[in-house]
Amino acid sequence: MQDKTNSSAPTHYKMSELIELTETPKSTILFYIKEGLLPKPTKVKTNVHSYGVDTVKMLKFIKYTQTYFNFSIKELKTLVLRDDFSFENCYESLLNSLDIFMGAGFKKEVSKEKIEDELNISKSELEGFIKDGYILSRDGNLTQKELEILSIIKRAKNSEIGFDIVKIYLEFALNLAKIEGEIAKEALEKSSDKNELYRLILDITLTLKPYIFNYQTFNIYKKDIK
């Protein structure tokens, strides 16, 4: 969604202005306020309320998370209620919480025993995948997403492709992450709008990077693999 705000924009908005600025229906705005996702408006006079800049930021942020992460209201509330969350630094808070929300839609927890039985892998093998960084363990918990990823890894190991390509992915990911981190750290130190830069980092990491990588991979497959 195009950001229509600028440095000379007003600091408070009427409901009609808020609807136009954020392209969000009135019923949705009122629902978000009721759910605690938006700050309560200031009552100017009877039946007239004023909405601050924080409300605009949060409406755009909510739309962003629902577009790119398909967050539910429950997940949004989990994020907003975190101690490190703030309206001014919402994208930084999101980036710092991605370990919780990775694999949205796969939130159902799965026991390690179930994964071991279903995939016919040993406890030590599963712990090795976690320790080496192939799958994410959230405070020792695994979800349906990890089951899906491990299933793909096992199929790769048991196929002609083998485990080499998976190991290459992890090695490359670790090296790339270090480079990305160094560049991001330097940029953040110079940035005058860190929250917007955090949003750009999210866009590059979660949207641009997989697009470029997958496009180049499929291009090679089409040209060179018969």
C-alpha atoms as a PDB file:
ATOM      1  CA  MET A   1       0.000   0.000   0.000  1.00  0.00           C
ATOM      2  CA  GLN A   2       1.405   3.393  -0.952  1.00  0.00           C
ATOM      3  CA  ASP A   3       2.340   5.577   2.006  1.00  0.00           C
ATOM      4  CA  LYS A   4       0.475   8.844   1.608  1.00  0.00           C
ATOM      5  CA  THR A   5       1.863  10.388   4.793  1.00  0.00           C
ATOM      6  CA  ASN A   6       4.767  12.845   4.897  1.00  0.00           C
ATOM      7  CA  SER A   7       6.604  15.086   7.331  1.00  0.00           C
ATOM      8  CA  SER A   8       3.988  17.844   6.964  1.00  0.00           C
ATOM      9  CA  ALA A   9       1.036  15.514   7.570  1.00  0.00           C
ATOM     10  CA  PRO A  10      -1.338  16.249  10.468  1.00  0.00           C
ATOM     11  CA  THR A  11      -0.796  14.521  13.786  1.00  0.00           C
ATOM     12  CA  HIS A  12      -4.460  13.632  14.311  1.00  0.00           C
ATOM     13  CA  TYR A  13      -7.184  12.406  11.998  1.00  0.00           C
ATOM     14  CA  LYS A  14     -10.951  12.119  11.873  1.00  0.00           C
ATOM     15  CA  MET A  15     -12.405   8.672  11.172  1.00  0.00           C
ATOM     16  CA  SER A  16     -13.182   9.638   7.572  1.00  0.00           C
ATOM     17  CA  GLU A  17      -9.574  10.759   7.058  1.00  0.00           C
ATOM     18  CA  LEU A  18      -8.266   7.593   8.673  1.00  0.00           C
ATOM     19  CA  ILE A  19     -10.378   5.409   6.383  1.00  0.00           C
ATOM     20  CA  GLU A  20      -9.134   7.229   3.275  1.00  0.00           C
ATOM     21  CA  LEU A  21      -5.505   7.355   4.366  1.00  0.00           C
ATOM     22  CA  THR A  22      -5.215   3.681   5.281  1.00  0.00           C
ATOM     23  CA  GLU A  23      -7.827   2.221   2.896  1.00  0.00           C
ATOM     24  CA  THR A  24      -9.399   0.404   5.829  1.00  0.00           C
ATOM     25  CA  PRO A  25     -13.181   0.151   6.456  1.00  0.00           C
ATOM     26  CA  LYS A  26     -14.614   1.823   9.561  1.00  0.00           C
ATOM     27  CA  SER A  27     -15.939  -1.498  10.875  1.00  0.00           C
ATOM     28  CA  THR A  28     -12.454  -3.006  10.689  1.00  0.00           C
ATOM     29  CA  ILE A  29     -10.871  -0.050  12.499  1.00  0.00           C
ATOM     30  CA  LEU A  30     -13.428  -0.249  15.306  1.00  0.00           C
ATOM     31  CA  PHE A  31     -12.891  -4.019  15.567  1.00  0.00           C
ATOM     32  CA  TYR A  32      -9.124  -3.565  15.900  1.00  0.00           C
ATOM     33  CA  ILE A  33      -9.628  -0.973  18.634  1.00  0.00           C
ATOM     34  CA  LYS A  34     -11.973  -3.338  20.470  1.00  0.00           C
ATOM     35  CA  GLU A  35      -9.388  -6.140  20.215  1.00  0.00           C
ATOM     36  CA  GLY A  36      -6.658  -3.896  21.606  1.00  0.00           C
ATOM     37  CA  LEU A  37      -4.627  -3.777  18.402  1.00  0.00           C
ATOM     38  CA  LEU A  38      -5.019  -0.017  18.019  1.00  0.00           C
ATOM     39  CA  PRO A  39      -4.738   2.763  20.603  1.00  0.00           C
ATOM     40  CA  LYS A  40      -8.041   4.206  21.732  1.00  0.00           C
ATOM     41  CA  PRO A  41      -8.965   7.533  20.092  1.00  0.00           C
ATOM     42  CA  THR A  42      -9.197  10.860  21.865  1.00  0.00           C
ATOM     43  CA  LYS A  43     -12.745  12.096  22.398  1.00  0.00           C
ATOM     44  CA  VAL A  44     -12.895  15.633  21.014  1.00  0.00           C
ATOM     45  CA  LYS A  45     -16.633  16.113  21.606  1.00  0.00           C
ATOM     46  CA  THR A  46     -19.811  14.028  21.576  1.00  0.00           C
ATOM     47  CA  ASN A  47     -19.562  11.396  18.813  1.00  0.00           C
ATOM     48  CA  VAL A  48     -16.358  12.971  17.489  1.00  0.00           C
ATOM     49  CA  HIS A  49     -13.043  11.182  17.998  1.00  0.00           C
ATOM     50  CA  SER A  50      -9.487  11.965  16.983  1.00  0.00           C
ATOM     51  CA  TYR A  51      -7.004   9.298  15.903  1.00  0.00           C
ATOM     52  CA  GLY A  52      -3.254   9.767  16.253  1.00  0.00           C
ATOM     53  CA  VAL A  53      -0.346   8.960  13.974  1.00  0.00           C
ATOM     54  CA  ASP A  54       0.218   5.709  15.898  1.00  0.00           C
ATOM     55  CA  THR A  55      -3.153   4.476  14.621  1.00  0.00           C
ATOM     56  CA  VAL A  56      -2.107   5.130  11.019  1.00  0.00           C
ATOM     57  CA  LYS A  57       1.203   3.327  11.543  1.00  0.00           C
ATOM     58  CA  MET A  58      -0.457   0.343  13.162  1.00  0.00           C
ATOM     59  CA  LEU A  59      -3.183  -0.011  10.502  1.00  0.00           C
ATOM     60  CA  LYS A  60      -0.526  -0.119   7.801  1.00  0.00           C
ATOM     61  CA  PHE A  61       1.532  -2.521   9.890  1.00  0.00           C
ATOM     62  CA  ILE A  62      -1.451  -4.835  10.455  1.00  0.00           C
ATOM     63  CA  LYS A  63      -2.151  -4.878   6.726  1.00  0.00           C
ATOM     64  CA  TYR A  64       1.523  -5.663   6.108  1.00  0.00           C
ATOM     65  CA  THR A  65       1.566  -8.636   8.491  1.00  0.00           C
ATOM     66  CA  GLN A  66      -1.666 -10.023   7.079  1.00  0.00           C
ATOM     67  CA  THR A  67      -0.414  -9.660   3.496  1.00  0.00           C
ATOM     68  CA  TYR A  68       3.019 -11.210   3.977  1.00  0.00           C
ATOM     69  CA  PHE A  69       2.490 -13.469   7.002  1.00  0.00           C
ATOM     70  CA  ASN A  70      -1.246 -14.159   6.975  1.00  0.00           C
ATOM     71  CA  PHE A  71      -1.349 -13.342  10.686  1.00  0.00           C
ATOM     72  CA  SER A  72      -4.520 -14.093  12.584  1.00  0.00           C
ATOM     73  CA  ILE A  73      -5.932 -11.636  15.123  1.00  0.00           C
ATOM     74  CA  LYS A  74      -4.623 -13.912  17.881  1.00  0.00           C
ATOM     75  CA  GLU A  75      -1.095 -13.835  16.439  1.00  0.00           C
ATOM     76  CA  LEU A  76      -1.236 -10.063  16.019  1.00  0.00           C
ATOM     77  CA  LYS A  77      -2.283  -9.660  19.644  1.00  0.00           C
ATOM     78  CA  THR A  78       0.567 -11.943  20.722  1.00  0.00           C
ATOM     79  CA  LEU A  79       2.993  -9.669  18.916  1.00  0.00           C
ATOM     80  CA  VAL A  80       1.482  -6.382  20.110  1.00  0.00           C
ATOM     81  CA  LEU A  81       1.406  -7.527  23.738  1.00  0.00           C
ATOM     82  CA  ARG A  82       5.110  -8.429  23.776  1.00  0.00           C
ATOM     83  CA  ASP A  83       7.215  -6.300  26.138  1.00  0.00           C
ATOM     84  CA  ASP A  84       9.530  -5.181  23.320  1.00  0.00           C
ATOM     85  CA  PHE A  85       6.725  -4.048  21.015  1.00  0.00           C
ATOM     86  CA  SER A  86       6.117  -0.364  20.310  1.00  0.00           C
ATOM     87  CA  PHE A  87       4.111   1.502  17.701  1.00  0.00           C
ATOM     88  CA  GLU A  88       7.161   3.559  16.752  1.00  0.00           C
ATOM     89  CA  ASN A  89       9.318   0.459  16.144  1.00  0.00           C
ATOM     90  CA  CYS A  90       6.731  -2.051  14.954  1.00  0.00           C
ATOM     91  CA  TYR A  91       8.846  -3.524  12.130  1.00  0.00           C
ATOM     92  CA  GLU A  92      11.857  -3.935  14.397  1.00  0.00           C
ATOM     93  CA  SER A  93       9.605  -5.718  16.893  1.00  0.00           C
ATOM     94  CA  LEU A  94       8.334  -7.991  14.124  1.00  0.00           C
ATOM     95  CA  LEU A  95      11.850  -8.837  12.974  1.00  0.00           C
ATOM     96  CA  ASN A  96      12.873  -9.634  16.547  1.00  0.00           C
ATOM     97  CA  SER A  97       9.865 -11.954  16.910  1.00  0.00           C
ATOM     98  CA  LEU A  98      10.095 -13.894  13.650  1.00  0.00           C
ATOM     99  CA  ASP A  99      11.231 -17.039  15.428  1.00  0.00           C
ATOM    100  CA  ILE A 100       7.767 -17.161  16.990  1.00  0.00           C
ATOM    101  CA  PHE A 101       5.853 -16.530  13.777  1.00  0.00           C
ATOM    102  CA  MET A 102       7.898 -18.446  11.209  1.00  0.00           C
ATOM    103  CA  GLY A 103       5.652 -20.925   9.485  1.00  0.00           C
ATOM    104  CA  ALA A 104       2.379 -19.074  10.105  1.00  0.00           C
ATOM    105  CA  GLY A 105      -0.412 -21.497   9.434  1.00  0.00           C
ATOM    106  CA  PHE A 106       1.615 -24.388  10.886  1.00  0.00           C
ATOM    107  CA  LYS A 107       1.164 -23.443  14.524  1.00  0.00           C
ATOM    108  CA  LYS A 108       0.020 -26.805  15.797  1.00  0.00           C
ATOM    109  CA  GLU A 109       2.751 -28.186  18.013  1.00  0.00           C
ATOM    110  CA  VAL A 110       4.108 -31.642  17.231  1.00  0.00           C
ATOM    111  CA  SER A 111       6.016 -33.690  19.778  1.00  0.00           C
ATOM    112  CA  LYS A 112       9.521 -34.855  19.007  1.00  0.00           C
ATOM    113  CA  GLU A 113       8.361 -38.419  19.583  1.00  0.00           C
ATOM    114  CA  LYS A 114       5.679 -38.061  16.899  1.00  0.00           C
ATOM    115  CA  ILE A 115       8.215 -36.703  14.416  1.00  0.00           C
ATOM    116  CA  GLU A 116      10.647 -39.508  15.198  1.00  0.00           C
ATOM    117  CA  ASP A 117       7.935 -42.143  14.734  1.00  0.00           C
ATOM    118  CA  GLU A 118       6.339 -40.634  11.638  1.00  0.00           C
ATOM    119  CA  LEU A 119       9.625 -40.053   9.825  1.00  0.00           C
ATOM    120  CA  ASN A 120      11.406 -43.071  11.269  1.00  0.00           C
ATOM    121  CA  ILE A 121      14.380 -41.076  12.534  1.00  0.00           C
ATOM    122  CA  SER A 122      16.275 -41.465  15.790  1.00  0.00           C
ATOM    123  CA  LYS A 123      16.259 -39.027  18.687  1.00  0.00           C
ATOM    124  CA  SER A 124      19.940 -38.238  18.129  1.00  0.00           C
ATOM    125  CA  GLU A 125      19.311 -37.607  14.422  1.00  0.00           C
ATOM    126  CA  LEU A 126      16.480 -35.195  15.213  1.00  0.00           C
ATOM    127  CA  GLU A 127      18.570 -33.374  17.823  1.00  0.00           C
ATOM    128  CA  GLY A 128      21.362 -33.126  15.237  1.00  0.00           C
ATOM    129  CA  PHE A 129      19.051 -31.398  12.734  1.00  0.00           C
ATOM    130  CA  ILE A 130      18.056 -28.909  15.431  1.00  0.00           C
ATOM    131  CA  LYS A 131      21.613 -28.280  16.656  1.00  0.00           C
ATOM    132  CA  ASP A 132      23.017 -27.838  13.131  1.00  0.00           C
ATOM    133  CA  GLY A 133      20.288 -25.350  12.211  1.00  0.00           C
ATOM    134  CA  TYR A 134      18.250 -27.257   9.640  1.00  0.00           C
ATOM    135  CA  ILE A 135      15.043 -26.722  11.599  1.00  0.00           C
ATOM    136  CA  LEU A 136      13.874 -24.193  14.166  1.00  0.00           C
ATOM    137  CA  SER A 137      13.074 -25.213  17.716  1.00  0.00           C
ATOM    138  CA  ARG A 138      11.050 -22.619  19.620  1.00  0.00           C
ATOM    139  CA  ASP A 139      11.976 -23.089  23.276  1.00  0.00           C
ATOM    140  CA  GLY A 140      12.295 -26.813  22.628  1.00  0.00           C
ATOM    141  CA  ASN A 141       8.974 -27.008  20.764  1.00  0.00           C
ATOM    142  CA  LEU A 142       8.406 -28.128  17.183  1.00  0.00           C
ATOM    143  CA  THR A 143       5.411 -27.560  14.915  1.00  0.00           C
ATOM    144  CA  GLN A 144       3.821 -29.034  11.834  1.00  0.00           C
ATOM    145  CA  LYS A 145       6.169 -26.836   9.796  1.00  0.00           C
ATOM    146  CA  GLU A 146       9.245 -28.618  11.148  1.00  0.00           C
ATOM    147  CA  LEU A 147       7.613 -31.958  10.382  1.00  0.00           C
ATOM    148  CA  GLU A 148       7.094 -30.816   6.798  1.00  0.00           C
ATOM    149  CA  ILE A 149      10.683 -29.588   6.420  1.00  0.00           C
ATOM    150  CA  LEU A 150      12.172 -32.756   7.916  1.00  0.00           C
ATOM    151  CA  SER A 151      10.028 -34.848   5.620  1.00  0.00           C
ATOM    152  CA  ILE A 152      11.526 -33.045   2.609  1.00  0.00           C
ATOM    153  CA  ILE A 153      15.040 -33.456   4.004  1.00  0.00           C
ATOM    154  CA  LYS A 154      14.506 -37.181   4.478  1.00  0.00           C
ATOM    155  CA  ARG A 155      13.140 -37.593   0.961  1.00  0.00           C
ATOM    156  CA  ALA A 156      16.199 -35.760  -0.371  1.00  0.00           C
ATOM    157  CA  LYS A 157      18.544 -38.028   1.602  1.00  0.00           C
ATOM    158  CA  ASN A 158      16.809 -41.134   0.270  1.00  0.00           C
ATOM    159  CA  SER A 159      16.818 -39.958  -3.358  1.00  0.00           C
ATOM    160  CA  GLU A 160      19.398 -39.581  -6.091  1.00  0.00           C
ATOM    161  CA  ILE A 161      19.803 -35.942  -5.072  1.00  0.00           C
ATOM    162  CA  GLY A 162      21.137 -36.977  -1.701  1.00  0.00           C
ATOM    163  CA  PHE A 163      21.925 -34.845   1.320  1.00  0.00           C
ATOM    164  CA  ASP A 164      24.679 -32.780  -0.333  1.00  0.00           C
ATOM    165  CA  ILE A 165      22.342 -30.140  -1.738  1.00  0.00           C
ATOM    166  CA  VAL A 166      20.707 -29.697   1.686  1.00  0.00           C
ATOM    167  CA  LYS A 167      24.098 -29.235   3.353  1.00  0.00           C
ATOM    168  CA  ILE A 168      25.069 -26.703   0.679  1.00  0.00           C
ATOM    169  CA  TYR A 169      21.894 -24.725   1.401  1.00  0.00           C
ATOM    170  CA  LEU A 170      22.672 -24.554   5.107  1.00  0.00           C
ATOM    171  CA  GLU A 171      26.320 -23.611   4.600  1.00  0.00           C
ATOM    172  CA  PHE A 172      25.417 -20.928   2.080  1.00  0.00           C
ATOM    173  CA  ALA A 173      22.580 -19.623   4.276  1.00  0.00           C
ATOM    174  CA  LEU A 174      24.906 -19.240   7.263  1.00  0.00           C
ATOM    175  CA  ASN A 175      27.509 -17.360   5.226  1.00  0.00           C
ATOM    176  CA  LEU A 176      24.905 -15.171   3.544  1.00  0.00           C
ATOM    177  CA  ALA A 177      23.268 -14.390   6.885  1.00  0.00           C
ATOM    178  CA  LYS A 178      26.587 -13.102   8.252  1.00  0.00           C
ATOM    179  CA  ILE A 179      27.040 -10.818   5.234  1.00  0.00           C
ATOM    180  CA  GLU A 180      23.449  -9.587   5.438  1.00  0.00           C
ATOM    181  CA  GLY A 181      23.842  -8.923   9.145  1.00  0.00           C
ATOM    182  CA  GLU A 182      26.988  -6.852   8.657  1.00  0.00           C
ATOM    183  CA  ILE A 183      25.384  -4.754   5.899  1.00  0.00           C
ATOM    184  CA  ALA A 184      22.173  -4.262   7.899  1.00  0.00           C
ATOM    185  CA  LYS A 185      24.081  -3.270  11.045  1.00  0.00           C
ATOM    186  CA  GLU A 186      26.082  -0.640   9.170  1.00  0.00           C
ATOM    187  CA  ALA A 187      22.953   0.729   7.474  1.00  0.00           C
ATOM    188  CA  LEU A 188      21.017   0.908  10.752  1.00  0.00           C
ATOM    189  CA  GLU A 189      23.815   2.868  12.408  1.00  0.00           C
ATOM    190  CA  LYS A 190      23.474   5.526   9.685  1.00  0.00           C
ATOM    191  CA  SER A 191      19.698   5.476   9.277  1.00  0.00           C
ATOM    192  CA  SER A 192      17.471   8.334  10.375  1.00  0.00           C
ATOM    193  CA  ASP A 193      14.344   6.142  10.130  1.00  0.00           C
ATOM    194  CA  LYS A 194      15.245   2.773  11.597  1.00  0.00           C
ATOM    195  CA  ASN A 195      11.675   1.461  11.628  1.00  0.00           C
ATOM    196  CA  GLU A 196      11.293   1.971   7.857  1.00  0.00           C
ATOM    197  CA  LEU A 197      14.706   0.387   7.288  1.00  0.00           C
ATOM    198  CA  TYR A 198      13.648  -2.651   9.309  1.00  0.00           C
ATOM    199  CA  ARG A 199      10.623  -2.942   7.022  1.00  0.00           C
ATOM    200  CA  LEU A 200      12.919  -2.836   3.980  1.00  0.00           C
ATOM    201  CA  ILE A 201      15.111  -5.542   5.529  1.00  0.00           C
ATOM    202  CA  LEU A 202      12.016  -7.710   5.971  1.00  0.00           C
ATOM    203  CA  ASP A 203      10.931  -7.091   2.368  1.00  0.00           C
ATOM    204  CA  ILE A 204      14.389  -7.910   0.998  1.00  0.00           C
ATOM    205  CA  THR A 205      14.828 -10.998   3.164  1.00  0.00           C
ATOM    206  CA  LEU A 206      11.367 -12.529   2.892  1.00  0.00           C
ATOM    207  CA  THR A 207      10.244 -11.444  -0.580  1.00  0.00           C
ATOM    208  CA  LEU A 208      13.098 -10.268  -2.782  1.00  0.00           C
ATOM    209  CA  LYS A 209      15.683 -12.892  -1.786  1.00  0.00           C
ATOM    210  CA  PRO A 210      13.558 -16.021  -2.400  1.00  0.00           C
ATOM    211  CA  TYR A 211      12.248 -14.498  -5.654  1.00  0.00           C
ATOM    212  CA  ILE A 212      15.743 -13.944  -7.066  1.00  0.00           C
ATOM    213  CA  PHE A 213      17.080 -17.283  -5.823  1.00  0.00           C
ATOM    214  CA  ASN A 214      14.144 -19.326  -7.094  1.00  0.00           C
ATOM    215  CA  TYR A 215      13.986 -17.500 -10.405  1.00  0.00           C
ATOM    216  CA  GLN A 216      17.659 -18.202 -11.099  1.00  0.00           C
ATOM    217  CA  THR A 217      17.306 -21.824  -9.994  1.00  0.00           C
ATOM    218  CA  PHE A 218      14.302 -22.506 -12.232  1.00  0.00           C
ATOM    219  CA  ASN A 219      16.033 -20.713 -15.097  1.00  0.00           C
ATOM    220  CA  ILE A 220      19.014 -23.053 -14.829  1.00  0.00           C
ATOM    221  CA  TYR A 221      16.732 -26.078 -14.590  1.00  0.00           C
ATOM    222  CA  LYS A 222      14.934 -25.093 -17.767  1.00  0.00           C
ATOM    223  CA  LYS A 223      18.183 -24.490 -19.674  1.00  0.00           C
ATOM    224  CA  ASP A 224      20.476 -27.225 -18.438  1.00  0.00           C
ATOM    225  CA  ILE A 225      18.414 -30.077 -17.015  1.00  0.00           C
ATOM    226  CA  LYS A 226      16.850 -32.381 -19.584  1.00  0.00           C
END
